Amino acid sequence: MRIGDAAVAAGMTPRALRYYEQQGLVTARRTPSGHRVYDAEDIRRLRAVRALRDAGLTVGDVRAFAHLLHTMPADGVPDLIPRDPGSGRCPAMEAVARRRLADLDARIERLSQLRARLAARLGEPVGGAPEPGERGKQPGPGKPAGPGATVRAGADSGPIFRLDAAPSPGAAALRA
């Protein structure tokens, strides 16, 4: 099948498929006219790559054990560390997954520290999530934020700053 059909079958875009090919995770055969052609094994391999990426591994992580992708079952990606000691553990996959998990834990810790420092500067609680019911108290589009209201810059951005009162023209809105 050609790249468009293969991408749909693997659940990705043709651009992503080309990228994974460039990274050595799949190899397309070429027609005499130069078009890429993929088979069922390529699709299975691409689905495994996508599942591993969805699990939190980077392309570099997957590339570290790309030579093992053909051993993964056709019905999906198994647990990276099998629960049954008798099932074939893969030390290469386990090492990469544990390294990625440690990296994610370190990043979460750094982000938590950054958030706490910023929250302290803003006089906000240091805890992570807003109290239940706090999200519903945000003004709707076009509605002014009241004193002490959290103002958001976008749908997926976190609290940006607090306004104690409507700032007068030329006055600083942020407290130091």
C-alpha atoms as a PDB file:
ATOM      1  CA  MET A   1       0.000   0.000   0.000  1.00  0.00           C
ATOM      2  CA  ARG A   2       1.091   3.580  -0.573  1.00  0.00           C
ATOM      3  CA  ILE A   3       2.051   6.069   2.104  1.00  0.00           C
ATOM      4  CA  GLY A   4      -1.387   7.657   2.573  1.00  0.00           C
ATOM      5  CA  ASP A   5      -3.122   4.325   3.085  1.00  0.00           C
ATOM      6  CA  ALA A   6      -0.306   3.055   5.288  1.00  0.00           C
ATOM      7  CA  ALA A   7      -0.466   6.160   7.466  1.00  0.00           C
ATOM      8  CA  VAL A   8      -4.216   5.765   7.945  1.00  0.00           C
ATOM      9  CA  ALA A   9      -3.798   2.060   8.753  1.00  0.00           C
ATOM     10  CA  ALA A  10      -1.090   2.849  11.315  1.00  0.00           C
ATOM     11  CA  GLY A  11      -3.054   5.726  12.836  1.00  0.00           C
ATOM     12  CA  MET A  12      -0.671   8.532  11.928  1.00  0.00           C
ATOM     13  CA  THR A  13      -0.021  11.135   9.284  1.00  0.00           C
ATOM     14  CA  PRO A  14       2.091  10.548   6.166  1.00  0.00           C
ATOM     15  CA  ARG A  15       4.522  13.130   7.537  1.00  0.00           C
ATOM     16  CA  ALA A  16       4.948  11.132  10.776  1.00  0.00           C
ATOM     17  CA  LEU A  17       5.439   7.966   8.738  1.00  0.00           C
ATOM     18  CA  ARG A  18       8.179   9.645   6.683  1.00  0.00           C
ATOM     19  CA  TYR A  19       9.816  10.863   9.898  1.00  0.00           C
ATOM     20  CA  TYR A  20       9.843   7.362  11.394  1.00  0.00           C
ATOM     21  CA  GLU A  21      11.346   6.091   8.156  1.00  0.00           C
ATOM     22  CA  GLN A  22      14.025   8.797   8.333  1.00  0.00           C
ATOM     23  CA  GLN A  23      14.750   7.722  11.919  1.00  0.00           C
ATOM     24  CA  GLY A  24      15.254   4.114  10.824  1.00  0.00           C
ATOM     25  CA  LEU A  25      12.171   2.701  12.549  1.00  0.00           C
ATOM     26  CA  VAL A  26      10.641   1.432   9.300  1.00  0.00           C
ATOM     27  CA  THR A  27      11.987   0.913   5.803  1.00  0.00           C
ATOM     28  CA  ALA A  28       9.752   1.405   2.805  1.00  0.00           C
ATOM     29  CA  ARG A  29      10.273  -0.348  -0.440  1.00  0.00           C
ATOM     30  CA  ARG A  30      10.043   1.781  -3.586  1.00  0.00           C
ATOM     31  CA  THR A  31       8.160   1.245  -6.797  1.00  0.00           C
ATOM     32  CA  PRO A  32      10.033   1.775 -10.088  1.00  0.00           C
ATOM     33  CA  SER A  33       8.506   5.273 -10.151  1.00  0.00           C
ATOM     34  CA  GLY A  34       9.915   5.989  -6.665  1.00  0.00           C
ATOM     35  CA  HIS A  35       6.693   5.797  -4.612  1.00  0.00           C
ATOM     36  CA  ARG A  36       6.949   4.300  -1.136  1.00  0.00           C
ATOM     37  CA  VAL A  37       5.181   0.976  -0.609  1.00  0.00           C
ATOM     38  CA  TYR A  38       4.380  -0.586   2.767  1.00  0.00           C
ATOM     39  CA  ASP A  39       3.129  -4.032   3.740  1.00  0.00           C
ATOM     40  CA  ALA A  40       1.268  -5.472   6.741  1.00  0.00           C
ATOM     41  CA  GLU A  41       4.513  -5.993   8.685  1.00  0.00           C
ATOM     42  CA  ASP A  42       5.409  -2.312   8.233  1.00  0.00           C
ATOM     43  CA  ILE A  43       1.976  -1.305   9.529  1.00  0.00           C
ATOM     44  CA  ARG A  44       2.344  -3.577  12.567  1.00  0.00           C
ATOM     45  CA  ARG A  45       5.775  -2.085  13.249  1.00  0.00           C
ATOM     46  CA  LEU A  46       4.451   1.485  12.902  1.00  0.00           C
ATOM     47  CA  ARG A  47       1.588   0.721  15.293  1.00  0.00           C
ATOM     48  CA  ALA A  48       4.130  -0.590  17.802  1.00  0.00           C
ATOM     49  CA  VAL A  49       6.173   2.612  17.433  1.00  0.00           C
ATOM     50  CA  ARG A  50       3.067   4.728  17.949  1.00  0.00           C
ATOM     51  CA  ALA A  51       2.044   2.714  21.031  1.00  0.00           C
ATOM     52  CA  LEU A  52       5.530   3.049  22.532  1.00  0.00           C
ATOM     53  CA  ARG A  53       5.521   6.802  21.850  1.00  0.00           C
ATOM     54  CA  ASP A  54       2.066   7.056  23.448  1.00  0.00           C
ATOM     55  CA  ALA A  55       3.500   5.279  26.503  1.00  0.00           C
ATOM     56  CA  GLY A  56       6.013   8.099  26.946  1.00  0.00           C
ATOM     57  CA  LEU A  57       9.083   6.857  25.139  1.00  0.00           C
ATOM     58  CA  THR A  58      10.934   9.170  22.782  1.00  0.00           C
ATOM     59  CA  VAL A  59      11.884   8.324  19.206  1.00  0.00           C
ATOM     60  CA  GLY A  60      15.467   7.906  20.437  1.00  0.00           C
ATOM     61  CA  ASP A  61      14.273   5.443  23.085  1.00  0.00           C
ATOM     62  CA  VAL A  62      12.400   3.385  20.498  1.00  0.00           C
ATOM     63  CA  ARG A  63      15.374   3.553  18.145  1.00  0.00           C
ATOM     64  CA  ALA A  64      17.530   2.007  20.905  1.00  0.00           C
ATOM     65  CA  PHE A  65      15.605  -1.248  20.554  1.00  0.00           C
ATOM     66  CA  ALA A  66      14.182  -0.868  17.034  1.00  0.00           C
ATOM     67  CA  HIS A  67      15.815  -4.170  16.124  1.00  0.00           C
ATOM     68  CA  LEU A  68      13.324  -5.839  18.510  1.00  0.00           C
ATOM     69  CA  LEU A  69      10.136  -4.292  17.098  1.00  0.00           C
ATOM     70  CA  HIS A  70       9.564  -7.299  14.851  1.00  0.00           C
ATOM     71  CA  THR A  71       9.281  -9.494  17.966  1.00  0.00           C
ATOM     72  CA  MET A  72       6.317  -7.576  19.381  1.00  0.00           C
ATOM     73  CA  PRO A  73       2.932  -9.267  19.114  1.00  0.00           C
ATOM     74  CA  ALA A  74       0.587  -8.317  16.291  1.00  0.00           C
ATOM     75  CA  ASP A  75      -2.192  -7.354  18.724  1.00  0.00           C
ATOM     76  CA  GLY A  76      -0.245  -4.485  20.297  1.00  0.00           C
ATOM     77  CA  VAL A  77       2.718  -3.664  22.455  1.00  0.00           C
ATOM     78  CA  PRO A  78       3.159  -5.802  25.565  1.00  0.00           C
ATOM     79  CA  ASP A  79       4.076  -4.386  28.946  1.00  0.00           C
ATOM     80  CA  LEU A  80       7.682  -3.300  28.767  1.00  0.00           C
ATOM     81  CA  ILE A  81       8.323  -5.243  31.950  1.00  0.00           C
ATOM     82  CA  PRO A  82       6.179  -8.412  31.938  1.00  0.00           C
ATOM     83  CA  ARG A  83       4.383  -9.177  35.199  1.00  0.00           C
ATOM     84  CA  ASP A  84       4.978 -12.905  34.767  1.00  0.00           C
ATOM     85  CA  PRO A  85       8.624 -13.709  35.544  1.00  0.00           C
ATOM     86  CA  GLY A  86       8.473 -16.686  33.149  1.00  0.00           C
ATOM     87  CA  SER A  87       7.601 -14.547  30.139  1.00  0.00           C
ATOM     88  CA  GLY A  88      10.550 -13.308  28.158  1.00  0.00           C
ATOM     89  CA  ARG A  89      11.848 -10.123  29.734  1.00  0.00           C
ATOM     90  CA  CYS A  90      13.775  -7.865  27.453  1.00  0.00           C
ATOM     91  CA  PRO A  91      16.615  -6.216  29.357  1.00  0.00           C
ATOM     92  CA  ALA A  92      17.182  -3.630  26.590  1.00  0.00           C
ATOM     93  CA  MET A  93      13.560  -2.457  26.623  1.00  0.00           C
ATOM     94  CA  GLU A  94      13.414  -2.521  30.407  1.00  0.00           C
ATOM     95  CA  ALA A  95      16.581  -0.428  30.745  1.00  0.00           C
ATOM     96  CA  VAL A  96      15.348   2.172  28.279  1.00  0.00           C
ATOM     97  CA  ALA A  97      11.905   2.334  29.918  1.00  0.00           C
ATOM     98  CA  ARG A  98      13.378   2.684  33.416  1.00  0.00           C
ATOM     99  CA  ARG A  99      15.725   5.431  32.213  1.00  0.00           C
ATOM    100  CA  ARG A 100      12.789   7.298  30.611  1.00  0.00           C
ATOM    101  CA  LEU A 101      10.720   6.897  33.782  1.00  0.00           C
ATOM    102  CA  ALA A 102      13.558   8.326  35.887  1.00  0.00           C
ATOM    103  CA  ASP A 103      13.884  11.224  33.442  1.00  0.00           C
ATOM    104  CA  LEU A 104      10.151  11.949  33.636  1.00  0.00           C
ATOM    105  CA  ASP A 105      10.271  11.860  37.443  1.00  0.00           C
ATOM    106  CA  ALA A 106      13.173  14.336  37.440  1.00  0.00           C
ATOM    107  CA  ARG A 107      11.343  16.645  35.029  1.00  0.00           C
ATOM    108  CA  ILE A 108       8.175  16.527  37.138  1.00  0.00           C
ATOM    109  CA  GLU A 109      10.234  17.407  40.218  1.00  0.00           C
ATOM    110  CA  ARG A 110      11.895  20.359  38.434  1.00  0.00           C
ATOM    111  CA  LEU A 111       8.543  21.634  37.160  1.00  0.00           C
ATOM    112  CA  SER A 112       7.002  21.273  40.626  1.00  0.00           C
ATOM    113  CA  GLN A 113       9.847  23.326  42.097  1.00  0.00           C
ATOM    114  CA  LEU A 114       9.426  25.993  39.391  1.00  0.00           C
ATOM    115  CA  ARG A 115       5.703  26.119  40.010  1.00  0.00           C
ATOM    116  CA  ALA A 116       6.206  26.468  43.775  1.00  0.00           C
ATOM    117  CA  ARG A 117       8.690  29.338  43.306  1.00  0.00           C
ATOM    118  CA  LEU A 118       6.386  31.175  40.921  1.00  0.00           C
ATOM    119  CA  ALA A 119       3.338  30.576  43.124  1.00  0.00           C
ATOM    120  CA  ALA A 120       5.264  31.930  46.139  1.00  0.00           C
ATOM    121  CA  ARG A 121       6.160  35.093  44.180  1.00  0.00           C
ATOM    122  CA  LEU A 122       2.503  35.555  43.335  1.00  0.00           C
ATOM    123  CA  GLY A 123       1.215  34.867  46.823  1.00  0.00           C
ATOM    124  CA  GLU A 124      -0.576  31.764  45.580  1.00  0.00           C
ATOM    125  CA  PRO A 125      -0.861  28.491  47.425  1.00  0.00           C
ATOM    126  CA  VAL A 126       2.125  26.314  46.681  1.00  0.00           C
ATOM    127  CA  GLY A 127      -0.028  23.190  46.092  1.00  0.00           C
ATOM    128  CA  GLY A 128      -0.479  22.003  42.509  1.00  0.00           C
ATOM    129  CA  ALA A 129      -4.141  21.771  41.562  1.00  0.00           C
ATOM    130  CA  PRO A 130      -6.845  24.359  42.275  1.00  0.00           C
ATOM    131  CA  GLU A 131      -9.394  23.578  44.948  1.00  0.00           C
ATOM    132  CA  PRO A 132     -12.556  21.806  43.752  1.00  0.00           C
ATOM    133  CA  GLY A 133     -14.982  24.376  42.380  1.00  0.00           C
ATOM    134  CA  GLU A 134     -12.279  26.978  41.744  1.00  0.00           C
ATOM    135  CA  ARG A 135     -12.260  26.369  37.984  1.00  0.00           C
ATOM    136  CA  GLY A 136     -15.915  27.282  37.704  1.00  0.00           C
ATOM    137  CA  LYS A 137     -15.243  30.701  39.275  1.00  0.00           C
ATOM    138  CA  GLN A 138     -13.281  31.988  36.316  1.00  0.00           C
ATOM    139  CA  PRO A 139     -14.971  34.673  34.255  1.00  0.00           C
ATOM    140  CA  GLY A 140     -16.354  33.745  30.874  1.00  0.00           C
ATOM    141  CA  PRO A 141     -15.235  35.290  27.595  1.00  0.00           C
ATOM    142  CA  GLY A 142     -15.674  39.044  27.591  1.00  0.00           C
ATOM    143  CA  LYS A 143     -16.429  39.156  31.320  1.00  0.00           C
ATOM    144  CA  PRO A 144     -14.035  41.138  33.498  1.00  0.00           C
ATOM    145  CA  ALA A 145     -12.139  39.328  36.191  1.00  0.00           C
ATOM    146  CA  GLY A 146     -13.053  40.431  39.673  1.00  0.00           C
ATOM    147  CA  PRO A 147     -10.602  41.217  42.474  1.00  0.00           C
ATOM    148  CA  GLY A 148      -8.447  38.205  43.313  1.00  0.00           C
ATOM    149  CA  ALA A 149      -9.641  36.271  40.252  1.00  0.00           C
ATOM    150  CA  THR A 150      -7.235  34.053  38.387  1.00  0.00           C
ATOM    151  CA  VAL A 151      -6.758  35.222  34.823  1.00  0.00           C
ATOM    152  CA  ARG A 152      -5.856  32.677  32.141  1.00  0.00           C
ATOM    153  CA  ALA A 153      -4.030  33.421  28.918  1.00  0.00           C
ATOM    154  CA  GLY A 154      -5.429  30.453  27.012  1.00  0.00           C
ATOM    155  CA  ALA A 155      -7.444  27.299  27.350  1.00  0.00           C
ATOM    156  CA  ASP A 156      -4.528  25.100  28.338  1.00  0.00           C
ATOM    157  CA  SER A 157      -2.369  27.592  30.170  1.00  0.00           C
ATOM    158  CA  GLY A 158      -2.098  27.650  33.923  1.00  0.00           C
ATOM    159  CA  PRO A 159      -2.792  30.574  36.214  1.00  0.00           C
ATOM    160  CA  ILE A 160      -0.832  33.548  34.944  1.00  0.00           C
ATOM    161  CA  PHE A 161      -1.371  36.286  37.528  1.00  0.00           C
ATOM    162  CA  ARG A 162      -3.820  37.658  40.072  1.00  0.00           C
ATOM    163  CA  LEU A 163      -5.445  41.041  39.908  1.00  0.00           C
ATOM    164  CA  ASP A 164      -6.151  42.529  43.347  1.00  0.00           C
ATOM    165  CA  ALA A 165      -8.201  45.266  41.739  1.00  0.00           C
ATOM    166  CA  ALA A 166      -8.730  46.567  38.275  1.00  0.00           C
ATOM    167  CA  PRO A 167      -5.416  48.223  37.433  1.00  0.00           C
ATOM    168  CA  SER A 168      -5.467  51.909  36.789  1.00  0.00           C
ATOM    169  CA  PRO A 169      -3.915  53.076  33.539  1.00  0.00           C
ATOM    170  CA  GLY A 170      -0.129  52.943  33.868  1.00  0.00           C
ATOM    171  CA  ALA A 171      -0.241  50.983  37.139  1.00  0.00           C
ATOM    172  CA  ALA A 172       1.561  47.674  37.448  1.00  0.00           C
ATOM    173  CA  ALA A 173      -0.844  44.733  37.462  1.00  0.00           C
ATOM    174  CA  LEU A 174       1.622  42.320  39.005  1.00  0.00           C
ATOM    175  CA  ARG A 175       2.819  42.414  42.566  1.00  0.00           C
ATOM    176  CA  ALA A 176       6.536  41.873  43.107  1.00  0.00           C
END
